[in-house]
Amino acid sequence: EYMVTLVDLYEKHKLPIILYDQVGCGHSTHFQEKAGD
């Protein structure tokens, strides 16, 4: 979410932007069972 400012690059230059949640956070798979691993 905090990278959303980059969408300005699409609005100004039509540069496509891809945002994603790395594993372990957000909408992607969480692995709390891997704490300290």
PDB file of all heavy atoms in Angstrom:
ATOM      1  N   GLU A   1       0.802  -1.230   0.000  1.00  0.00           N
ATOM      2  CA  GLU A   1       0.000   0.000   0.000  1.00  0.00           C
ATOM      3  C   GLU A   1       0.831   1.275   0.000  1.00  0.00           C
ATOM      4  O   GLU A   1       0.496   2.237  -0.698  1.00  0.00           O
ATOM      5  CB  GLU A   1      -0.958   0.010   1.202  1.00  0.00           C
ATOM      6  CG  GLU A   1      -2.118  -0.961   1.094  1.00  0.00           C
ATOM      7  CD  GLU A   1      -1.800  -2.336   1.661  1.00  0.00           C
ATOM      8  OE1 GLU A   1      -0.618  -2.604   1.997  1.00  0.00           O
ATOM      9  OE2 GLU A   1      -2.720  -3.164   1.769  1.00  0.00           O
ATOM     10  N   TYR A   2       1.911   1.294   0.775  1.00  0.00           N
ATOM     11  CA  TYR A   2       2.667   2.540   0.902  1.00  0.00           C
ATOM     12  C   TYR A   2       3.494   2.865  -0.349  1.00  0.00           C
ATOM     13  O   TYR A   2       4.097   3.929  -0.441  1.00  0.00           O
ATOM     14  CB  TYR A   2       3.556   2.512   2.158  1.00  0.00           C
ATOM     15  CG  TYR A   2       4.886   1.813   1.994  1.00  0.00           C
ATOM     16  CD1 TYR A   2       6.048   2.537   1.766  1.00  0.00           C
ATOM     17  CD2 TYR A   2       4.981   0.426   2.069  1.00  0.00           C
ATOM     18  CE1 TYR A   2       7.279   1.905   1.605  1.00  0.00           C
ATOM     19  CE2 TYR A   2       6.196  -0.207   1.914  1.00  0.00           C
ATOM     20  CZ  TYR A   2       7.332   0.528   1.686  1.00  0.00           C
ATOM     21  OH  TYR A   2       8.544  -0.090   1.517  1.00  0.00           O
ATOM     22  N   MET A   3       3.475   1.949  -1.328  1.00  0.00           N
ATOM     23  CA  MET A   3       4.151   2.187  -2.605  1.00  0.00           C
ATOM     24  C   MET A   3       3.207   2.762  -3.659  1.00  0.00           C
ATOM     25  O   MET A   3       3.575   2.918  -4.823  1.00  0.00           O
ATOM     26  CB  MET A   3       4.752   0.869  -3.132  1.00  0.00           C
ATOM     27  CG  MET A   3       5.736   0.201  -2.183  1.00  0.00           C
ATOM     28  SD  MET A   3       7.246   1.153  -1.953  1.00  0.00           S
ATOM     29  CE  MET A   3       8.069   0.879  -3.510  1.00  0.00           C
ATOM     30  N   VAL A   4       1.993   3.091  -3.257  1.00  0.00           N
ATOM     31  CA  VAL A   4       0.957   3.519  -4.198  1.00  0.00           C
ATOM     32  C   VAL A   4       1.305   4.826  -4.917  1.00  0.00           C
ATOM     33  O   VAL A   4       0.753   5.117  -5.988  1.00  0.00           O
ATOM     34  CB  VAL A   4      -0.407   3.635  -3.472  1.00  0.00           C
ATOM     35  CG1 VAL A   4      -0.441   4.858  -2.559  1.00  0.00           C
ATOM     36  CG2 VAL A   4      -1.561   3.679  -4.458  1.00  0.00           C
ATOM     37  N   THR A   5       2.226   5.614  -4.371  1.00  0.00           N
ATOM     38  CA  THR A   5       2.631   6.869  -5.034  1.00  0.00           C
ATOM     39  C   THR A   5       3.171   6.616  -6.437  1.00  0.00           C
ATOM     40  O   THR A   5       3.139   7.506  -7.283  1.00  0.00           O
ATOM     41  CB  THR A   5       3.716   7.595  -4.214  1.00  0.00           C
ATOM     42  OG1 THR A   5       4.797   6.684  -3.979  1.00  0.00           O
ATOM     43  CG2 THR A   5       3.178   8.097  -2.878  1.00  0.00           C
ATOM     44  N   LEU A   6       3.664   5.404  -6.694  1.00  0.00           N
ATOM     45  CA  LEU A   6       4.239   5.091  -8.005  1.00  0.00           C
ATOM     46  C   LEU A   6       3.187   5.072  -9.107  1.00  0.00           C
ATOM     47  O   LEU A   6       3.522   5.162 -10.295  1.00  0.00           O
ATOM     48  CB  LEU A   6       4.974   3.748  -7.955  1.00  0.00           C
ATOM     49  CG  LEU A   6       6.195   3.697  -7.023  1.00  0.00           C
ATOM     50  CD1 LEU A   6       6.772   2.292  -6.973  1.00  0.00           C
ATOM     51  CD2 LEU A   6       7.256   4.697  -7.471  1.00  0.00           C
ATOM     52  N   VAL A   7       1.919   4.963  -8.715  1.00  0.00           N
ATOM     53  CA  VAL A   7       0.844   4.988  -9.710  1.00  0.00           C
ATOM     54  C   VAL A   7       0.840   6.327 -10.447  1.00  0.00           C
ATOM     55  O   VAL A   7       0.363   6.426 -11.583  1.00  0.00           O
ATOM     56  CB  VAL A   7      -0.522   4.681  -9.045  1.00  0.00           C
ATOM     57  CG1 VAL A   7      -1.674   4.842 -10.031  1.00  0.00           C
ATOM     58  CG2 VAL A   7      -0.517   3.248  -8.498  1.00  0.00           C
ATOM     59  N   ASP A   8       1.412   7.364  -9.835  1.00  0.00           N
ATOM     60  CA  ASP A   8       1.565   8.657 -10.523  1.00  0.00           C
ATOM     61  C   ASP A   8       2.307   8.494 -11.849  1.00  0.00           C
ATOM     62  O   ASP A   8       2.069   9.238 -12.801  1.00  0.00           O
ATOM     63  CB  ASP A   8       2.353   9.652  -9.654  1.00  0.00           C
ATOM     64  CG  ASP A   8       1.623  10.047  -8.380  1.00  0.00           C
ATOM     65  OD1 ASP A   8       0.470   9.611  -8.183  1.00  0.00           O
ATOM     66  OD2 ASP A   8       2.222  10.790  -7.570  1.00  0.00           O
ATOM     67  N   LEU A   9       3.222   7.528 -11.901  1.00  0.00           N
ATOM     68  CA  LEU A   9       4.003   7.301 -13.119  1.00  0.00           C
ATOM     69  C   LEU A   9       3.116   6.789 -14.249  1.00  0.00           C
ATOM     70  O   LEU A   9       3.367   7.065 -15.426  1.00  0.00           O
ATOM     71  CB  LEU A   9       5.137   6.306 -12.860  1.00  0.00           C
ATOM     72  CG  LEU A   9       6.276   6.815 -11.969  1.00  0.00           C
ATOM     73  CD1 LEU A   9       7.181   5.669 -11.546  1.00  0.00           C
ATOM     74  CD2 LEU A   9       7.079   7.884 -12.707  1.00  0.00           C
ATOM     75  N   TYR A  10       2.081   6.035 -13.889  1.00  0.00           N
ATOM     76  CA  TYR A  10       1.128   5.606 -14.911  1.00  0.00           C
ATOM     77  C   TYR A  10       0.295   6.800 -15.369  1.00  0.00           C
ATOM     78  O   TYR A  10       0.089   7.012 -16.569  1.00  0.00           O
ATOM     79  CB  TYR A  10       0.205   4.497 -14.407  1.00  0.00           C
ATOM     80  CG  TYR A  10      -0.858   4.184 -15.431  1.00  0.00           C
ATOM     81  CD1 TYR A  10      -0.565   3.381 -16.530  1.00  0.00           C
ATOM     82  CD2 TYR A  10      -2.123   4.746 -15.351  1.00  0.00           C
ATOM     83  CE1 TYR A  10      -1.512   3.147 -17.524  1.00  0.00           C
ATOM     84  CE2 TYR A  10      -3.081   4.518 -16.334  1.00  0.00           C
ATOM     85  CZ  TYR A  10      -2.763   3.713 -17.409  1.00  0.00           C
ATOM     86  OH  TYR A  10      -3.693   3.505 -18.393  1.00  0.00           O
ATOM     87  N   GLU A  11      -0.171   7.572 -14.414  1.00  0.00           N
ATOM     88  CA  GLU A  11      -1.059   8.681 -14.750  1.00  0.00           C
ATOM     89  C   GLU A  11      -0.354   9.745 -15.594  1.00  0.00           C
ATOM     90  O   GLU A  11      -0.970  10.357 -16.459  1.00  0.00           O
ATOM     91  CB  GLU A  11      -1.644   9.282 -13.471  1.00  0.00           C
ATOM     92  CG  GLU A  11      -2.572   8.294 -12.756  1.00  0.00           C
ATOM     93  CD  GLU A  11      -3.105   8.794 -11.433  1.00  0.00           C
ATOM     94  OE1 GLU A  11      -2.533   9.752 -10.880  1.00  0.00           O
ATOM     95  OE2 GLU A  11      -4.090   8.219 -10.951  1.00  0.00           O
ATOM     96  N   LYS A  12       0.937   9.926 -15.378  1.00  0.00           N
ATOM     97  CA  LYS A  12       1.674  10.946 -16.126  1.00  0.00           C
ATOM     98  C   LYS A  12       2.300  10.415 -17.412  1.00  0.00           C
ATOM     99  O   LYS A  12       2.305  11.084 -18.448  1.00  0.00           O
ATOM    100  CB  LYS A  12       2.762  11.569 -15.246  1.00  0.00           C
ATOM    101  CG  LYS A  12       3.461  12.735 -15.930  1.00  0.00           C
ATOM    102  CD  LYS A  12       4.324  13.534 -14.970  1.00  0.00           C
ATOM    103  CE  LYS A  12       4.920  14.744 -15.677  1.00  0.00           C
ATOM    104  NZ  LYS A  12       5.762  15.552 -14.781  1.00  0.00           N
ATOM    105  N   HIS A  13       2.857   9.205 -17.358  1.00  0.00           N
ATOM    106  CA  HIS A  13       3.634   8.682 -18.484  1.00  0.00           C
ATOM    107  C   HIS A  13       3.044   7.414 -19.103  1.00  0.00           C
ATOM    108  O   HIS A  13       3.616   6.869 -20.035  1.00  0.00           O
ATOM    109  CB  HIS A  13       5.063   8.361 -18.038  1.00  0.00           C
ATOM    110  CG  HIS A  13       5.792   9.518 -17.433  1.00  0.00           C
ATOM    111  ND1 HIS A  13       6.172  10.619 -18.172  1.00  0.00           N
ATOM    112  CD2 HIS A  13       6.222   9.751 -16.163  1.00  0.00           C
ATOM    113  CE1 HIS A  13       6.805  11.484 -17.380  1.00  0.00           C
ATOM    114  NE2 HIS A  13       6.839  10.978 -16.156  1.00  0.00           N
ATOM    115  N   LYS A  14       1.920   6.933 -18.545  1.00  0.00           N
ATOM    116  CA  LYS A  14       1.318   5.656 -18.976  1.00  0.00           C
ATOM    117  C   LYS A  14       2.283   4.480 -18.792  1.00  0.00           C
ATOM    118  O   LYS A  14       2.239   3.497 -19.537  1.00  0.00           O
ATOM    119  CB  LYS A  14       0.837   5.735 -20.437  1.00  0.00           C
ATOM    120  CG  LYS A  14      -0.367   6.664 -20.605  1.00  0.00           C
ATOM    121  CD  LYS A  14      -1.593   6.118 -19.894  1.00  0.00           C
ATOM    122  CE  LYS A  14      -2.828   6.990 -20.023  1.00  0.00           C
ATOM    123  NZ  LYS A  14      -2.866   8.078 -19.030  1.00  0.00           N
ATOM    124  N   LEU A  15       3.159   4.594 -17.791  1.00  0.00           N
ATOM    125  CA  LEU A  15       4.034   3.477 -17.429  1.00  0.00           C
ATOM    126  C   LEU A  15       3.223   2.476 -16.605  1.00  0.00           C
ATOM    127  O   LEU A  15       2.728   2.826 -15.530  1.00  0.00           O
ATOM    128  CB  LEU A  15       5.203   3.975 -16.572  1.00  0.00           C
ATOM    129  CG  LEU A  15       6.485   4.427 -17.259  1.00  0.00           C
ATOM    130  CD1 LEU A  15       7.376   5.146 -16.265  1.00  0.00           C
ATOM    131  CD2 LEU A  15       7.222   3.239 -17.847  1.00  0.00           C
ATOM    132  N   PRO A  16       3.071   1.242 -17.062  1.00  0.00           N
ATOM    133  CA  PRO A  16       2.333   0.258 -16.260  1.00  0.00           C
ATOM    134  C   PRO A  16       3.065  -0.005 -14.934  1.00  0.00           C
ATOM    135  O   PRO A  16       4.301  -0.037 -14.902  1.00  0.00           O
ATOM    136  CB  PRO A  16       2.324  -1.000 -17.135  1.00  0.00           C
ATOM    137  CG  PRO A  16       2.721  -0.543 -18.502  1.00  0.00           C
ATOM    138  CD  PRO A  16       3.570   0.668 -18.320  1.00  0.00           C
ATOM    139  N   ILE A  17       2.301  -0.183 -13.877  1.00  0.00           N
ATOM    140  CA  ILE A  17       2.868  -0.412 -12.543  1.00  0.00           C
ATOM    141  C   ILE A  17       2.333  -1.730 -11.985  1.00  0.00           C
ATOM    142  O   ILE A  17       1.131  -2.011 -12.088  1.00  0.00           O
ATOM    143  CB  ILE A  17       2.475   0.734 -11.571  1.00  0.00           C
ATOM    144  CG1 ILE A  17       2.899   2.107 -12.123  1.00  0.00           C
ATOM    145  CG2 ILE A  17       3.083   0.489 -10.179  1.00  0.00           C
ATOM    146  CD1 ILE A  17       4.382   2.314 -12.259  1.00  0.00           C
ATOM    147  N   ILE A  18       3.211  -2.514 -11.399  1.00  0.00           N
ATOM    148  CA  ILE A  18       2.808  -3.752 -10.730  1.00  0.00           C
ATOM    149  C   ILE A  18       3.173  -3.648  -9.254  1.00  0.00           C
ATOM    150  O   ILE A  18       4.334  -3.439  -8.901  1.00  0.00           O
ATOM    151  CB  ILE A  18       3.492  -4.988 -11.359  1.00  0.00           C
ATOM    152  CG1 ILE A  18       3.073  -5.130 -12.831  1.00  0.00           C
ATOM    153  CG2 ILE A  18       3.135  -6.252 -10.567  1.00  0.00           C
ATOM    154  CD1 ILE A  18       3.869  -6.173 -13.589  1.00  0.00           C
ATOM    155  N   LEU A  19       2.163  -3.753  -8.407  1.00  0.00           N
ATOM    156  CA  LEU A  19       2.348  -3.799  -6.960  1.00  0.00           C
ATOM    157  C   LEU A  19       2.045  -5.221  -6.507  1.00  0.00           C
ATOM    158  O   LEU A  19       1.153  -5.874  -7.062  1.00  0.00           O
ATOM    159  CB  LEU A  19       1.392  -2.823  -6.261  1.00  0.00           C
ATOM    160  CG  LEU A  19       1.447  -1.351  -6.699  1.00  0.00           C
ATOM    161  CD1 LEU A  19       0.256  -0.592  -6.142  1.00  0.00           C
ATOM    162  CD2 LEU A  19       2.740  -0.705  -6.241  1.00  0.00           C
ATOM    163  N   TYR A  20       2.774  -5.712  -5.504  1.00  0.00           N
ATOM    164  CA  TYR A  20       2.417  -7.024  -4.961  1.00  0.00           C
ATOM    165  C   TYR A  20       2.813  -7.112  -3.501  1.00  0.00           C
ATOM    166  O   TYR A  20       3.660  -6.345  -3.022  1.00  0.00           O
ATOM    167  CB  TYR A  20       3.052  -8.153  -5.786  1.00  0.00           C
ATOM    168  CG  TYR A  20       4.540  -8.392  -5.602  1.00  0.00           C
ATOM    169  CD1 TYR A  20       5.015  -9.449  -4.822  1.00  0.00           C
ATOM    170  CD2 TYR A  20       5.485  -7.598  -6.258  1.00  0.00           C
ATOM    171  CE1 TYR A  20       6.374  -9.692  -4.678  1.00  0.00           C
ATOM    172  CE2 TYR A  20       6.844  -7.830  -6.131  1.00  0.00           C
ATOM    173  CZ  TYR A  20       7.285  -8.881  -5.331  1.00  0.00           C
ATOM    174  OH  TYR A  20       8.634  -9.113  -5.186  1.00  0.00           O
ATOM    175  N   ASP A  21       2.144  -8.016  -2.811  1.00  0.00           N
ATOM    176  CA  ASP A  21       2.490  -8.300  -1.413  1.00  0.00           C
ATOM    177  C   ASP A  21       3.402  -9.514  -1.397  1.00  0.00           C
ATOM    178  O   ASP A  21       3.024 -10.595  -1.879  1.00  0.00           O
ATOM    179  CB  ASP A  21       1.229  -8.608  -0.584  1.00  0.00           C
ATOM    180  CG  ASP A  21       0.403  -7.373  -0.280  1.00  0.00           C
ATOM    181  OD1 ASP A  21       0.969  -6.269  -0.265  1.00  0.00           O
ATOM    182  OD2 ASP A  21      -0.816  -7.523  -0.045  1.00  0.00           O
ATOM    183  N   GLN A  22       4.598  -9.346  -0.854  1.00  0.00           N
ATOM    184  CA  GLN A  22       5.503 -10.480  -0.714  1.00  0.00           C
ATOM    185  C   GLN A  22       4.914 -11.482   0.281  1.00  0.00           C
ATOM    186  O   GLN A  22       4.132 -11.113   1.163  1.00  0.00           O
ATOM    187  CB  GLN A  22       6.868  -9.989  -0.224  1.00  0.00           C
ATOM    188  CG  GLN A  22       7.569  -9.056  -1.204  1.00  0.00           C
ATOM    189  CD  GLN A  22       8.615  -8.164  -0.542  1.00  0.00           C
ATOM    190  OE1 GLN A  22       9.085  -8.460   0.552  1.00  0.00           O
ATOM    191  NE2 GLN A  22       8.964  -7.072  -1.197  1.00  0.00           N
ATOM    192  N   VAL A  23       5.279 -12.741   0.126  1.00  0.00           N
ATOM    193  CA  VAL A  23       4.784 -13.749   1.060  1.00  0.00           C
ATOM    194  C   VAL A  23       5.101 -13.314   2.491  1.00  0.00           C
ATOM    195  O   VAL A  23       6.133 -12.697   2.765  1.00  0.00           O
ATOM    196  CB  VAL A  23       5.378 -15.154   0.798  1.00  0.00           C
ATOM    197  CG1 VAL A  23       4.768 -15.771  -0.431  1.00  0.00           C
ATOM    198  CG2 VAL A  23       6.882 -15.126   0.702  1.00  0.00           C
ATOM    199  N   GLY A  24       4.172 -13.615   3.376  1.00  0.00           N
ATOM    200  CA  GLY A  24       4.348 -13.246   4.773  1.00  0.00           C
ATOM    201  C   GLY A  24       3.605 -11.995   5.162  1.00  0.00           C
ATOM    202  O   GLY A  24       3.648 -11.595   6.328  1.00  0.00           O
ATOM    203  N   CYS A  25       2.907 -11.362   4.198  1.00  0.00           N
ATOM    204  CA  CYS A  25       2.197 -10.138   4.565  1.00  0.00           C
ATOM    205  C   CYS A  25       1.021  -9.860   3.637  1.00  0.00           C
ATOM    206  O   CYS A  25       0.898 -10.457   2.559  1.00  0.00           O
ATOM    207  CB  CYS A  25       3.128  -8.933   4.591  1.00  0.00           C
ATOM    208  SG  CYS A  25       3.601  -8.302   2.970  1.00  0.00           S
ATOM    209  N   GLY A  26       0.174  -8.942   4.067  1.00  0.00           N
ATOM    210  CA  GLY A  26      -0.925  -8.453   3.244  1.00  0.00           C
ATOM    211  C   GLY A  26      -1.848  -9.550   2.774  1.00  0.00           C
ATOM    212  O   GLY A  26      -2.259 -10.423   3.528  1.00  0.00           O
ATOM    213  N   HIS A  27      -2.145  -9.509   1.454  1.00  0.00           N
ATOM    214  CA  HIS A  27      -3.089 -10.459   0.866  1.00  0.00           C
ATOM    215  C   HIS A  27      -2.422 -11.773   0.469  1.00  0.00           C
ATOM    216  O   HIS A  27      -3.106 -12.694   0.018  1.00  0.00           O
ATOM    217  CB  HIS A  27      -3.741  -9.841  -0.374  1.00  0.00           C
ATOM    218  CG  HIS A  27      -4.456  -8.553  -0.124  1.00  0.00           C
ATOM    219  ND1 HIS A  27      -5.552  -8.447   0.711  1.00  0.00           N
ATOM    220  CD2 HIS A  27      -4.234  -7.300  -0.595  1.00  0.00           C
ATOM    221  CE1 HIS A  27      -5.976  -7.195   0.729  1.00  0.00           C
ATOM    222  NE2 HIS A  27      -5.178  -6.473  -0.044  1.00  0.00           N
ATOM    223  N   SER A  28      -1.106 -11.849   0.555  1.00  0.00           N
ATOM    224  CA  SER A  28      -0.402 -13.079   0.179  1.00  0.00           C
ATOM    225  C   SER A  28      -0.356 -14.047   1.367  1.00  0.00           C
ATOM    226  O   SER A  28      -0.767 -13.713   2.484  1.00  0.00           O
ATOM    227  CB  SER A  28       1.007 -12.746  -0.324  1.00  0.00           C
ATOM    228  OG  SER A  28       0.930 -12.008  -1.537  1.00  0.00           O
ATOM    229  N   THR A  29       0.129 -15.257   1.113  1.00  0.00           N
ATOM    230  CA  THR A  29       0.145 -16.295   2.157  1.00  0.00           C
ATOM    231  C   THR A  29       1.059 -15.907   3.312  1.00  0.00           C
ATOM    232  O   THR A  29       2.184 -15.444   3.101  1.00  0.00           O
ATOM    233  CB  THR A  29       0.610 -17.641   1.557  1.00  0.00           C
ATOM    234  OG1 THR A  29      -0.220 -17.957   0.435  1.00  0.00           O
ATOM    235  CG2 THR A  29       0.519 -18.752   2.590  1.00  0.00           C
ATOM    236  N   HIS A  30       0.555 -16.105   4.518  1.00  0.00           N
ATOM    237  CA  HIS A  30       1.326 -15.826   5.727  1.00  0.00           C
ATOM    238  C   HIS A  30       1.960 -17.118   6.255  1.00  0.00           C
ATOM    239  O   HIS A  30       1.427 -18.210   6.056  1.00  0.00           O
ATOM    240  CB  HIS A  30       0.430 -15.198   6.795  1.00  0.00           C
ATOM    241  CG  HIS A  30       0.013 -13.793   6.475  1.00  0.00           C
ATOM    242  ND1 HIS A  30       0.301 -12.724   7.291  1.00  0.00           N
ATOM    243  CD2 HIS A  30      -0.661 -13.278   5.406  1.00  0.00           C
ATOM    244  CE1 HIS A  30      -0.186 -11.610   6.751  1.00  0.00           C
ATOM    245  NE2 HIS A  30      -0.771 -11.929   5.610  1.00  0.00           N
ATOM    246  N   PHE A  31       3.075 -16.951   6.945  1.00  0.00           N
ATOM    247  CA  PHE A  31       3.803 -18.104   7.488  1.00  0.00           C
ATOM    248  C   PHE A  31       4.221 -17.829   8.930  1.00  0.00           C
ATOM    249  O   PHE A  31       5.409 -17.877   9.259  1.00  0.00           O
ATOM    250  CB  PHE A  31       5.042 -18.405   6.632  1.00  0.00           C
ATOM    251  CG  PHE A  31       4.735 -19.016   5.298  1.00  0.00           C
ATOM    252  CD1 PHE A  31       4.616 -18.219   4.170  1.00  0.00           C
ATOM    253  CD2 PHE A  31       4.551 -20.379   5.167  1.00  0.00           C
ATOM    254  CE1 PHE A  31       4.334 -18.764   2.933  1.00  0.00           C
ATOM    255  CE2 PHE A  31       4.271 -20.946   3.937  1.00  0.00           C
ATOM    256  CZ  PHE A  31       4.158 -20.144   2.804  1.00  0.00           C
ATOM    257  N   GLN A  32       3.248 -17.572   9.777  1.00  0.00           N
ATOM    258  CA  GLN A  32       3.586 -17.294  11.179  1.00  0.00           C
ATOM    259  C   GLN A  32       4.224 -18.501  11.862  1.00  0.00           C
ATOM    260  O   GLN A  32       4.968 -18.351  12.835  1.00  0.00           O
ATOM    261  CB  GLN A  32       2.332 -16.833  11.926  1.00  0.00           C
ATOM    262  CG  GLN A  32       1.932 -15.409  11.531  1.00  0.00           C
ATOM    263  CD  GLN A  32       0.532 -15.045  11.975  1.00  0.00           C
ATOM    264  OE1 GLN A  32      -0.441 -15.721  11.640  1.00  0.00           O
ATOM    265  NE2 GLN A  32       0.411 -13.966  12.728  1.00  0.00           N
ATOM    266  N   GLU A  33       3.955 -19.679  11.309  1.00  0.00           N
ATOM    267  CA  GLU A  33       4.570 -20.892  11.870  1.00  0.00           C
ATOM    268  C   GLU A  33       6.069 -20.954  11.580  1.00  0.00           C
ATOM    269  O   GLU A  33       6.784 -21.785  12.142  1.00  0.00           O
ATOM    270  CB  GLU A  33       3.866 -22.149  11.327  1.00  0.00           C
ATOM    271  CG  GLU A  33       4.090 -22.436   9.859  1.00  0.00           C
ATOM    272  CD  GLU A  33       3.112 -21.713   8.922  1.00  0.00           C
ATOM    273  OE1 GLU A  33       2.460 -20.726   9.366  1.00  0.00           O
ATOM    274  OE2 GLU A  33       3.012 -22.144   7.759  1.00  0.00           O
ATOM    275  N   LYS A  34       6.556 -20.065  10.724  1.00  0.00           N
ATOM    276  CA  LYS A  34       7.981 -20.034  10.373  1.00  0.00           C
ATOM    277  C   LYS A  34       8.738 -18.945  11.152  1.00  0.00           C
ATOM    278  O   LYS A  34       9.841 -18.556  10.753  1.00  0.00           O
ATOM    279  CB  LYS A  34       8.149 -19.792   8.874  1.00  0.00           C
ATOM    280  CG  LYS A  34       7.564 -20.891   7.982  1.00  0.00           C
ATOM    281  CD  LYS A  34       8.384 -22.158   8.042  1.00  0.00           C
ATOM    282  CE  LYS A  34       7.925 -23.161   6.992  1.00  0.00           C
ATOM    283  NZ  LYS A  34       8.714 -24.432   7.061  1.00  0.00           N
ATOM    284  N   ALA A  35       8.161 -18.469  12.238  1.00  0.00           N
ATOM    285  CA  ALA A  35       8.830 -17.444  13.054  1.00  0.00           C
ATOM    286  C   ALA A  35      10.199 -17.934  13.507  1.00  0.00           C
ATOM    287  O   ALA A  35      10.326 -19.048  14.051  1.00  0.00           O
ATOM    288  CB  ALA A  35       7.975 -17.091  14.265  1.00  0.00           C
ATOM    289  N   GLY A  36      11.216 -17.143  13.263  1.00  0.00           N
ATOM    290  CA  GLY A  36      12.577 -17.495  13.678  1.00  0.00           C
ATOM    291  C   GLY A  36      13.267 -18.506  12.788  1.00  0.00           C
ATOM    292  O   GLY A  36      14.422 -18.865  13.036  1.00  0.00           O
ATOM    293  N   ASP A  37      12.598 -18.960  11.735  1.00  0.00           N
ATOM    294  CA  ASP A  37      13.169 -19.980  10.855  1.00  0.00           C
ATOM    295  C   ASP A  37      14.003 -19.300   9.759  1.00  0.00           C
ATOM    296  O   ASP A  37      13.505 -18.952   8.688  1.00  0.00           O
ATOM    297  CB  ASP A  37      12.053 -20.820  10.240  1.00  0.00           C
ATOM    298  CG  ASP A  37      12.587 -22.002   9.424  1.00  0.00           C
ATOM    299  OD1 ASP A  37      13.814 -22.036   9.146  1.00  0.00           O
ATOM    300  OD2 ASP A  37      11.788 -22.888   9.049  1.00  0.00           O
TER     301      ASP A  37
END
